Amino acid sequence: MTEENNNEKKHCGSKKGAMLAYGVIQLGTSVISALSLAAIALSFCSVKQEAKIFTNCVEEVRESGKSASAAVRFCNGGK
């Protein structure tokens, strides 16, 4: 009876280590995913600001009498 208990405890220990490793890996990937999403969200702020500046540029050029396509070309760096 004691030999069976000892064998069961040995098998349980190896499973416990595997489950611990799985849990740590799962937690680590969740943290990496959260950090990646935060980085993406912060990059959207700069894109929003750049779009706002571009829109203001197009509006200013259109006020000078150019067409919309000419204003967009000018704001994109064209002549």
Protein backbone atom coordinates (compact mmCIF):
# COMPACT_ATOMS: atom_id res chain seq x y z
CA MET A 1 0.00 0.00 0.00
CA THR A 2 2.77 2.46 0.83
CA GLU A 3 4.61 1.61 -2.41
CA GLU A 4 1.50 2.51 -4.41
CA ASN A 5 1.17 5.84 -2.58
CA ASN A 6 4.83 6.63 -3.25
CA ASN A 7 4.44 5.86 -6.97
CA GLU A 8 1.32 8.03 -7.18
CA LYS A 9 3.10 10.93 -5.49
CA LYS A 10 6.01 10.68 -7.94
CA HIS A 11 3.66 10.82 -10.93
CA CYS A 12 1.70 13.69 -9.40
CA GLY A 13 4.87 15.75 -8.96
CA SER A 14 5.75 15.60 -12.63
CA LYS A 15 2.23 16.64 -13.60
CA LYS A 16 2.34 19.49 -11.09
CA GLY A 17 5.52 20.84 -12.68
CA ALA A 18 4.01 20.65 -16.15
CA MET A 19 0.87 22.45 -15.03
CA LEU A 20 2.94 25.14 -13.33
CA ALA A 21 4.98 25.66 -16.49
CA TYR A 22 1.78 25.84 -18.55
CA GLY A 23 0.32 28.45 -16.19
CA VAL A 24 3.46 30.59 -16.27
CA ILE A 25 3.60 30.43 -20.07
CA GLN A 26 -0.09 31.30 -20.35
CA LEU A 27 0.34 34.27 -18.01
CA GLY A 28 3.41 35.46 -19.90
CA THR A 29 1.64 35.38 -23.25
CA SER A 30 -1.28 37.31 -21.80
CA VAL A 31 1.06 40.02 -20.53
CA ILE A 32 2.80 40.24 -23.92
CA SER A 33 -0.57 40.51 -25.68
CA ALA A 34 -1.69 43.30 -23.35
CA LEU A 35 1.53 45.24 -23.93
CA SER A 36 1.19 44.82 -27.70
CA LEU A 37 -2.37 46.13 -27.64
CA ALA A 38 -1.28 49.12 -25.58
CA ALA A 39 1.47 49.90 -28.09
CA ILE A 40 -1.00 49.71 -30.97
CA ALA A 41 -3.43 52.01 -29.15
CA LEU A 42 -0.68 54.57 -28.56
CA SER A 43 0.32 54.47 -32.23
CA PHE A 44 -3.27 55.34 -33.21
CA CYS A 45 -2.89 58.64 -31.33
CA SER A 46 -0.08 59.76 -33.63
CA VAL A 47 -2.00 58.64 -36.72
CA LYS A 48 -5.00 60.66 -35.56
CA GLN A 49 -2.85 63.75 -35.07
CA GLU A 50 -1.23 63.34 -38.49
CA ALA A 51 -4.63 62.97 -40.16
CA LYS A 52 -5.86 66.13 -38.46
CA ILE A 53 -2.85 68.10 -39.71
CA PHE A 54 -3.36 66.72 -43.23
CA THR A 55 -7.03 67.70 -43.19
CA ASN A 56 -6.15 71.22 -42.10
CA CYS A 57 -3.60 71.45 -44.90
CA VAL A 58 -6.14 70.36 -47.52
CA GLU A 59 -8.70 72.87 -46.21
CA GLU A 60 -6.18 75.72 -46.36
CA VAL A 61 -5.14 74.90 -49.91
CA ARG A 62 -8.76 74.57 -51.05
CA GLU A 63 -9.47 78.02 -49.62
CA SER A 64 -6.78 79.41 -51.92
CA GLY A 65 -8.88 78.28 -54.91
CA LYS A 66 -7.35 74.93 -55.90
CA SER A 67 -9.41 71.80 -56.51
CA ALA A 68 -9.62 69.01 -53.94
CA SER A 69 -7.34 66.70 -55.92
CA ALA A 70 -4.74 69.47 -56.34
CA ALA A 71 -4.93 70.23 -52.61
CA VAL A 72 -4.38 66.58 -51.69
CA ARG A 73 -1.45 66.32 -54.11
CA PHE A 74 0.09 69.49 -52.64
CA CYS A 75 -0.29 68.26 -49.05
CA ASN A 76 1.25 64.90 -50.00
CA GLY A 77 4.39 66.71 -51.12
CA GLY A 78 3.56 67.32 -54.76
CA LYS A 79 3.95 70.68 -56.48
